[in-house]
Protein backbone atom coordinates (compact mmCIF):
# COMPACT_ATOMS: atom_id res chain seq x y z
CA MET A 1 60.43 -57.34 18.62
CA GLU A 2 58.62 -59.81 16.54
CA ARG A 3 60.31 -60.87 13.26
CA VAL A 4 58.40 -62.24 10.30
CA ASN A 5 59.06 -63.52 6.90
CA VAL A 6 56.81 -61.24 4.64
CA VAL A 7 54.69 -58.18 5.21
CA VAL A 8 52.42 -57.37 2.23
CA VAL A 9 51.24 -53.88 2.44
CA GLY A 10 47.78 -53.49 0.87
CA ALA A 11 44.97 -56.12 0.69
CA GLY A 12 43.60 -55.23 -2.75
CA VAL A 13 43.26 -58.17 -5.19
CA VAL A 14 46.88 -58.12 -6.14
CA GLY A 15 48.12 -57.97 -2.61
CA CYS A 16 45.75 -60.80 -1.43
CA ALA A 17 46.64 -62.98 -4.59
CA THR A 18 50.27 -62.43 -3.61
CA ALA A 19 49.76 -63.23 0.06
CA LEU A 20 48.13 -66.46 -1.11
CA ALA A 21 51.18 -67.57 -3.30
CA LEU A 22 53.48 -66.57 -0.53
CA ALA A 23 51.36 -68.35 2.23
CA ARG A 24 51.90 -71.49 0.23
CA ARG A 25 55.35 -71.22 0.41
CA TYR A 26 56.46 -69.44 3.76
CA SER A 27 55.01 -69.29 7.47
CA ASP A 28 54.76 -65.63 9.03
CA VAL A 29 53.11 -63.80 6.17
CA PHE A 30 51.28 -60.66 7.29
CA VAL A 31 49.05 -58.51 5.09
CA VAL A 32 48.54 -55.07 6.37
CA GLU A 33 45.41 -53.11 5.04
CA GLN A 34 44.23 -49.66 6.20
CA LEU A 35 40.60 -50.22 5.61
CA PRO A 36 38.11 -52.38 7.47
CA ARG A 37 38.26 -55.29 4.82
CA PRO A 38 40.07 -56.43 1.76
CA GLY A 39 39.62 -54.91 -1.67
CA MET A 40 37.48 -51.83 -0.88
CA LEU A 41 39.25 -49.36 -3.44
CA THR A 42 40.35 -50.02 -7.02
CA SER A 43 40.02 -53.75 -6.70
CA SER A 44 36.27 -53.43 -6.33
CA ARG A 45 35.53 -50.21 -8.06
CA ASN A 46 35.86 -51.37 -11.73
CA SER A 47 33.87 -53.11 -14.32
CA GLY A 48 34.78 -56.65 -13.33
CA VAL A 49 35.84 -57.59 -16.54
CA ILE A 50 38.30 -60.30 -17.22
CA HIS A 51 40.44 -59.00 -19.89
CA SER A 52 42.21 -60.94 -22.87
CA GLY A 53 45.33 -58.85 -23.34
CA VAL A 54 44.66 -57.23 -26.79
CA TYR A 55 45.48 -53.78 -25.78
CA TYR A 56 49.05 -53.80 -24.50
CA PRO A 57 52.52 -53.55 -26.15
CA THR A 58 53.96 -56.83 -26.88
CA GLY A 59 56.51 -57.97 -24.29
CA SER A 60 54.99 -55.69 -21.61
CA LEU A 61 54.33 -56.64 -18.07
CA LYS A 62 50.63 -55.61 -18.88
CA ALA A 63 50.39 -57.89 -22.01
CA ARG A 64 52.35 -60.82 -20.28
CA HIS A 65 50.30 -60.84 -17.07
CA CYS A 66 46.94 -60.22 -18.52
CA VAL A 67 47.19 -63.14 -21.00
CA ARG A 68 48.45 -65.77 -18.29
CA GLY A 69 46.29 -64.29 -15.71
CA ASN A 70 43.36 -64.60 -17.90
CA ARG A 71 43.79 -68.25 -17.93
CA LEU A 72 44.73 -68.46 -14.20
CA LEU A 73 41.81 -66.47 -13.19
CA TYR A 74 39.28 -68.68 -14.85
CA GLU A 75 40.87 -71.82 -13.37
CA PHE A 76 40.62 -70.27 -9.82
CA CYS A 77 37.26 -69.03 -10.20
CA ALA A 78 36.02 -72.54 -11.43
CA ALA A 79 38.06 -74.28 -8.51
CA HIS A 80 36.55 -71.95 -5.91
CA GLY A 81 33.23 -71.14 -6.74
CA ILE A 82 33.72 -67.61 -7.52
CA PRO A 83 30.74 -66.15 -9.75
CA HIS A 84 31.92 -65.49 -13.34
CA ARG A 85 31.08 -65.94 -16.95
CA ARG A 86 32.97 -66.29 -20.00
CA THR A 87 31.08 -63.73 -22.27
CA GLY A 88 33.45 -62.77 -24.93
CA LYS A 89 33.34 -59.12 -26.07
CA VAL A 90 33.22 -56.81 -29.25
CA ILE A 91 35.34 -53.78 -30.02
CA VAL A 92 33.56 -51.95 -32.46
CA ALA A 93 34.53 -49.83 -35.42
CA THR A 94 31.58 -47.36 -35.71
CA ASP A 95 32.73 -46.20 -39.15
CA ALA A 96 35.05 -47.20 -42.26
CA SER A 97 37.84 -45.02 -40.85
CA GLU A 98 38.34 -47.09 -37.88
CA THR A 99 38.71 -50.52 -39.45
CA ALA A 100 42.43 -50.33 -39.97
CA GLU A 101 42.83 -49.49 -36.30
CA LEU A 102 40.61 -52.42 -35.43
CA GLU A 103 42.71 -54.71 -37.56
CA ALA A 104 45.98 -53.42 -36.02
CA LEU A 105 44.53 -54.25 -32.64
CA CYS A 106 43.55 -57.89 -33.83
CA ARG A 107 47.13 -58.20 -34.79
CA LEU A 108 48.53 -56.89 -31.63
CA GLY A 109 46.31 -59.22 -29.68
CA ALA A 110 47.56 -62.32 -31.62
CA ALA A 111 51.17 -61.10 -31.09
CA ASN A 112 50.34 -61.23 -27.35
CA GLY A 113 49.44 -64.76 -27.56
CA VAL A 114 45.52 -64.04 -27.19
CA GLU A 115 43.31 -66.71 -28.88
CA GLY A 116 39.79 -66.64 -30.19
CA LEU A 117 40.25 -63.25 -31.99
CA ARG A 118 38.29 -62.63 -35.34
CA ILE A 119 36.95 -59.51 -37.24
CA ILE A 120 33.38 -59.60 -37.81
CA ASP A 121 31.40 -57.56 -40.34
CA ARG A 122 28.32 -55.36 -39.72
CA ALA A 123 25.90 -58.37 -40.23
CA ALA A 124 27.59 -60.49 -37.54
CA LEU A 125 27.72 -57.58 -35.30
CA GLN A 126 23.99 -57.10 -35.48
CA ARG A 127 23.16 -60.81 -34.99
CA ARG A 128 25.30 -60.52 -31.61
CA GLU A 129 24.34 -57.04 -30.57
CA PRO A 130 21.36 -55.99 -32.60
CA HIS A 131 21.19 -52.42 -31.16
CA VAL A 132 24.87 -51.37 -31.58
CA ARG A 133 25.90 -49.24 -34.39
CA GLY A 134 29.17 -50.32 -36.35
CA VAL A 135 30.59 -51.37 -39.45
CA ALA A 136 32.86 -54.07 -38.09
CA ALA A 137 34.06 -55.41 -34.68
CA LEU A 138 36.94 -57.48 -33.18
CA GLU A 139 35.29 -60.29 -31.46
CA ILE A 140 37.24 -61.76 -28.44
CA ASP A 141 36.29 -65.15 -27.14
CA SER A 142 38.38 -65.14 -23.80
CA THR A 143 36.98 -61.95 -22.19
CA GLY A 144 34.69 -62.47 -19.41
CA ILE A 145 33.04 -60.97 -16.16
CA VAL A 146 33.66 -61.82 -12.54
CA SER A 147 32.52 -60.68 -9.14
CA SER A 148 35.60 -58.70 -8.11
CA GLU A 149 34.48 -58.52 -4.49
CA GLU A 150 34.08 -62.32 -4.17
CA LEU A 151 37.33 -62.87 -6.05
CA VAL A 152 39.39 -60.70 -3.28
CA LYS A 153 37.62 -62.35 -0.55
CA ALA A 154 38.51 -65.78 -1.96
CA PHE A 155 42.12 -64.75 -2.22
CA ALA A 156 42.28 -63.51 1.26
CA ARG A 157 40.25 -66.36 2.81
CA LEU A 158 42.64 -68.79 1.27
CA ALA A 159 45.70 -66.73 2.29
CA VAL A 160 44.48 -66.83 5.74
CA GLN A 161 43.69 -70.77 5.74
CA HIS A 162 47.24 -71.37 4.37
CA GLY A 163 48.53 -69.48 7.53
CA ALA A 164 48.87 -65.80 6.48
CA SER A 165 47.61 -63.16 9.11
CA LEU A 166 45.48 -60.47 7.70
CA LEU A 167 45.57 -57.21 9.76
CA THR A 168 42.83 -54.68 8.77
CA HIS A 169 42.15 -51.08 10.01
CA THR A 170 46.01 -51.11 10.01
CA ARG A 171 47.99 -48.32 8.40
CA VAL A 172 51.73 -48.29 8.00
CA THR A 173 53.17 -45.26 9.43
CA ARG A 174 57.05 -45.67 9.22
CA LEU A 175 59.52 -48.04 7.43
CA GLU A 176 63.12 -48.35 8.65
CA PRO A 177 66.19 -50.22 7.45
CA ALA A 178 67.22 -52.73 10.18
CA GLY A 179 70.23 -54.68 8.97
CA GLU A 180 69.09 -57.18 6.25
CA ALA A 181 65.40 -56.71 7.30
CA ILE A 182 62.83 -53.85 7.36
CA ARG A 183 61.37 -52.48 10.54
CA VAL A 184 57.64 -51.71 9.81
CA TRP A 185 55.59 -49.39 12.00
CA MET A 186 51.96 -49.73 12.18
CA ARG A 187 49.00 -47.99 13.96
CA THR A 188 45.88 -50.14 14.18
CA GLY A 189 42.44 -48.99 14.98
CA GLU A 190 39.63 -46.90 13.21
CA ASP A 191 40.31 -43.61 15.10
CA GLY A 192 44.12 -43.61 14.45
CA THR A 193 44.71 -42.77 18.17
CA ALA A 194 46.38 -46.34 18.93
CA ALA A 195 49.98 -46.61 19.74
CA GLU A 196 52.56 -47.46 17.07
CA GLU A 197 53.80 -51.05 17.07
CA ALA A 198 56.65 -52.31 14.95
CA VAL A 199 57.57 -55.70 13.42
CA GLU A 200 60.76 -56.74 11.65
CA THR A 201 60.30 -58.46 8.29
CA ARG A 202 62.89 -60.35 6.15
CA CYS A 203 60.76 -58.97 3.03
CA LEU A 204 58.34 -56.21 2.29
CA VAL A 205 55.96 -56.30 -0.56
CA ASN A 206 54.54 -52.72 -1.32
CA SER A 207 51.11 -53.52 -2.97
CA ALA A 208 49.60 -50.46 -1.79
CA GLY A 209 47.67 -49.53 -5.06
CA LEU A 210 46.79 -45.80 -5.02
CA PHE A 211 49.24 -45.24 -2.18
CA ALA A 212 52.17 -47.34 -3.30
CA ASP A 213 54.06 -44.26 -4.18
CA GLU A 214 53.78 -43.07 -0.54
CA VAL A 215 54.72 -46.27 0.99
CA ALA A 216 57.83 -46.38 -1.26
CA ALA A 217 58.65 -42.85 -0.17
CA LEU A 218 58.80 -44.06 3.43
CA LEU A 219 62.02 -45.51 2.49
CA GLY A 220 63.18 -42.31 0.44
CA ASN A 221 62.16 -43.76 -2.74
CA THR A 222 60.61 -41.08 -4.63
CA ARG A 223 61.19 -42.43 -8.09
CA TRP A 224 57.34 -42.97 -8.94
CA ARG A 225 54.37 -40.64 -8.32
CA ILE A 226 50.80 -41.88 -8.83
CA TYR A 227 48.37 -39.50 -10.70
CA PRO A 228 45.01 -40.44 -9.55
CA VAL A 229 42.24 -40.92 -12.37
CA ARG A 230 38.59 -41.08 -11.48
CA GLY A 231 36.30 -43.38 -13.56
CA GLU A 232 32.53 -42.96 -13.25
CA TYR A 233 29.96 -45.32 -14.09
CA CYS A 234 26.17 -45.04 -15.02
CA GLU A 235 23.60 -47.69 -14.99
CA VAL A 236 21.12 -48.43 -17.78
CA VAL A 237 17.44 -48.49 -16.39
CA ARG A 238 15.94 -52.08 -16.43
CA SER A 239 13.48 -51.46 -19.14
CA LYS A 240 16.38 -50.38 -21.38
CA ALA A 241 18.90 -53.18 -20.51
CA TYR A 242 17.84 -55.16 -23.44
CA LEU A 243 19.75 -52.69 -25.60
CA ILE A 244 23.16 -54.59 -24.65
CA ALA A 245 23.58 -58.31 -24.81
CA GLY A 246 27.24 -58.52 -23.47
CA LEU A 247 30.37 -56.51 -23.31
CA VAL A 248 30.70 -53.71 -25.91
CA TYR A 249 33.67 -51.55 -26.37
CA PRO A 250 34.73 -48.47 -28.51
CA LEU A 251 38.25 -48.53 -29.89
CA PRO A 252 40.64 -47.37 -27.03
CA HIS A 253 40.96 -43.87 -25.88
CA PRO A 254 43.82 -42.27 -28.06
CA GLU A 255 45.54 -40.78 -24.85
CA GLY A 256 45.52 -44.07 -23.15
CA LEU A 257 43.73 -43.11 -20.20
CA SER A 258 41.06 -45.64 -20.37
CA LEU A 259 39.66 -48.23 -22.77
CA GLY A 260 36.82 -45.81 -23.43
CA VAL A 261 33.18 -45.74 -22.28
CA HIS A 262 32.05 -49.04 -22.78
CA PHE A 263 28.84 -51.28 -21.99
CA THR A 264 29.11 -54.10 -19.43
CA ARG A 265 26.25 -56.50 -18.73
CA THR A 266 26.96 -57.57 -15.32
CA LEU A 267 26.53 -60.87 -13.37
CA HIS A 268 23.16 -59.39 -12.11
CA ASP A 269 22.11 -58.65 -15.74
CA THR A 270 22.42 -55.05 -14.97
CA VAL A 271 24.12 -52.94 -17.88
CA LEU A 272 26.94 -50.48 -16.77
CA VAL A 273 27.95 -47.58 -18.83
CA GLY A 274 31.69 -46.39 -18.40
CA PRO A 275 34.08 -45.67 -16.99
CA THR A 276 34.98 -41.92 -17.82
CA ALA A 277 38.56 -40.91 -17.17
CA ARG A 278 39.43 -37.74 -15.38
CA TYR A 279 42.56 -36.66 -13.37
CA ILE A 280 41.73 -35.51 -9.98
CA GLU A 281 43.79 -34.30 -7.03
CA ASP A 282 42.48 -36.02 -4.11
CA LYS A 283 42.89 -39.89 -3.92
CA ASN A 284 39.95 -40.22 -1.99
CA ASP A 285 37.48 -37.92 -4.14
CA TYR A 286 35.09 -40.22 -5.57
CA GLU A 287 32.06 -38.08 -5.65
CA ARG A 288 32.76 -34.29 -6.11
CA ASP A 289 31.77 -32.64 -9.33
CA ARG A 290 30.55 -35.84 -11.19
CA GLU A 291 29.80 -36.00 -15.04
CA PRO A 292 26.29 -35.38 -15.84
CA VAL A 293 24.20 -38.18 -17.27
CA GLU A 294 23.90 -36.24 -20.32
CA GLU A 295 27.50 -36.65 -20.99
CA PHE A 296 27.28 -40.29 -20.44
CA ALA A 297 24.25 -40.52 -22.98
CA ARG A 298 26.23 -38.34 -25.57
CA ARG A 299 29.03 -41.03 -25.46
CA ALA A 300 27.00 -44.03 -25.25
CA LYS A 301 24.92 -42.91 -28.30
CA LEU A 302 28.00 -43.30 -30.34
CA LEU A 303 27.74 -47.19 -29.98
CA VAL A 304 24.01 -47.27 -29.16
CA PRO A 305 21.78 -44.73 -30.75
CA ALA A 306 18.81 -45.55 -28.82
CA ILE A 307 20.24 -44.52 -25.42
CA GLU A 308 18.77 -41.39 -23.98
CA PRO A 309 19.83 -39.25 -20.89
CA GLY A 310 16.56 -40.72 -19.08
CA ASP A 311 17.67 -44.38 -19.65
CA LEU A 312 20.81 -43.87 -17.38
CA THR A 313 21.36 -43.35 -13.64
CA PRO A 314 24.39 -42.56 -11.82
CA ALA A 315 26.32 -45.56 -10.19
CA TYR A 316 29.65 -45.72 -8.41
CA SER A 317 32.96 -44.65 -9.35
CA GLY A 318 36.53 -45.77 -9.09
CA ILE A 319 40.17 -44.38 -8.88
CA ARG A 320 42.91 -45.77 -11.22
CA PRO A 321 46.64 -45.44 -9.90
CA LYS A 322 48.10 -43.94 -13.15
CA LEU A 323 51.70 -43.19 -13.56
CA VAL A 324 51.30 -41.06 -16.65
CA PRO A 325 51.01 -37.43 -15.50
CA PRO A 326 48.31 -35.19 -17.07
CA GLY A 327 49.11 -33.01 -19.95
CA PRO A 328 50.14 -33.63 -23.68
CA LYS A 329 51.43 -37.34 -24.24
CA PRO A 330 54.35 -37.86 -26.56
CA GLY A 331 52.89 -39.29 -29.63
CA GLY A 332 49.55 -39.06 -28.37
CA LYS A 333 49.96 -42.05 -26.17
CA GLY A 334 49.74 -42.46 -22.39
CA PHE A 335 50.82 -46.03 -21.85
CA ALA A 336 52.85 -46.85 -18.73
CA ASP A 337 53.64 -50.30 -17.88
CA PHE A 338 53.32 -52.14 -14.47
CA VAL A 339 56.23 -51.48 -12.01
CA ILE A 340 57.35 -54.70 -10.40
CA THR A 341 60.73 -54.55 -8.99
CA PRO A 342 62.98 -54.60 -5.97
CA ASP A 343 63.79 -51.52 -4.43
CA ALA A 344 67.22 -50.13 -5.85
CA GLN A 345 68.55 -49.49 -2.34
CA PHE A 346 66.76 -52.12 -0.18
CA PRO A 347 66.37 -55.29 -2.28
CA GLN A 348 64.28 -56.82 0.42
CA VAL A 349 61.50 -54.59 -0.56
CA ILE A 350 59.45 -55.25 -3.79
CA HIS A 351 57.48 -52.54 -5.25
CA LEU A 352 54.36 -53.03 -7.06
CA VAL A 353 53.47 -49.50 -8.59
CA GLY A 354 50.88 -48.36 -10.97
CA ILE A 355 48.89 -51.79 -10.92
CA GLU A 356 45.65 -50.42 -12.78
CA SER A 357 43.68 -52.19 -15.44
CA PRO A 358 44.24 -55.02 -16.18
CA GLY A 359 45.34 -55.62 -12.60
CA LEU A 360 42.24 -57.64 -11.64
CA THR A 361 42.95 -60.23 -14.50
CA ALA A 362 46.70 -60.11 -13.99
CA ALA A 363 46.68 -60.59 -10.07
CA PRO A 364 47.22 -64.39 -10.09
CA SER A 365 50.13 -64.14 -12.54
CA ILE A 366 51.67 -60.97 -10.80
CA ALA A 367 51.46 -63.07 -7.58
CA GLU A 368 53.61 -65.72 -9.30
CA GLN A 369 56.27 -63.14 -10.33
CA VAL A 370 56.25 -61.69 -6.75
CA SER A 371 56.63 -65.06 -5.19
CA GLU A 372 59.85 -65.61 -7.33
CA LEU A 373 61.24 -62.36 -6.25
CA VAL A 374 60.62 -62.97 -2.85
CA ALA A 375 62.24 -66.34 -2.91
CA ALA A 376 65.33 -64.47 -4.31
CA VAL A 377 65.27 -62.59 -0.95
CA LEU A 378 64.31 -65.62 1.20
CA GLY A 379 65.75 -68.39 -0.47
C-alpha cells in the first residue's frame, strides 16, 4: 500500500492554500476533492470580499486569521496576478440609535489590529455613496474584493507546481487508524461505481468544508455538527448599478448568522445584494424555496431607498458551514470560532471545522497554522 506524508481532504480555498504551504515543505502531499474541480462550493459562492477583521471577538481565531490573512492575501494576489481591488467599505448607521454600536465596532476593529478605521458623518458618507441613507458610517480602508475562483485556482496550481497531487472526482469513504498513520479509503469517478483504493498517510488534514463533520465522524469523532445556512444573492440591473459605488454594509445581524444583506460592487462592475441567511436541512440545497426579490428589495431599501423590486434579478446562492444550531442564541449572539485542532484520539489528524466567513480572507493565514500543526506530526 502506498504511503504518503499528507492527505488534505477538500480542495476549497483553505484546503488549496494549505496544500501549497505543505507542498513547499514536504513531498507526497495529496489533495482529495469529491467535485470536478477545486473551490466549487463555499469558496466560490460568496461575495468575494477581502475582509478586514472588525467583526470578531479580540483574540479569536477569526480575528487573528482575518487580520493577518488580509495582508497575506493582497500580497499573494499582487504576486500572482489574481484579479482584485482594494476598495474600502462603509458600515452604515441608518439612524442615531445605531451610532453607539458603530463606535463599538470601530473600537473592536482597532483592538483586533485593523488599520485605516474612521467614523465619518452623513456628509462624508454622501460624498462617498450619494444614494445611501445613513447618519454616519464606519469607513474601513483595508477591505477589498477578489476573484474567488481565480484565487482558488492559483492556490491549487501552485500547490501542484510544488509537487502536490490533486485528485478530483475522488471521495473519501473510510478512515482507519493504521499504527501511527491513517489509512484513507477513496473512490474515484463521476458515477461512484469505481472500486475503493487506499493509501496510508502520516498526517491527515480534514478541510472538507460543509462536510468536515462527516469526515471527522469517519474516525468516530462526533464532537462537531455543521448546520448549513444558505445565503442567496440578487443582482442590481445594469441601469441602476450607479446607485452603489463600492461596498456598503449595514450593522451586523444581531444573531450573528451573517453580516447582513449588503451591497457589493464586483470586479465586473455589477452590483450584488445579499446574502440572506437561512438554516436548511440539505447541504446540497441551493435553489429550493428561494427568497422573492421583493424581500431583497425590502431589506435593500433600508440602505438605498431608491431600490425597487424591478431593479433586482435573482443571482446565485451559497451555503455556509455553521457550527451554531438554529434556535434562540444565548445573549442574542450566534458567534462560533473556527475550529483548527488535532483530533483528541488521533493527533496525526488535524480538523478544520466551521471555516465560514472570513475563511476566504483567512485562508493563507490558516494555512500557516496548519503547516505548523503538521510539522509537529511529521517533524
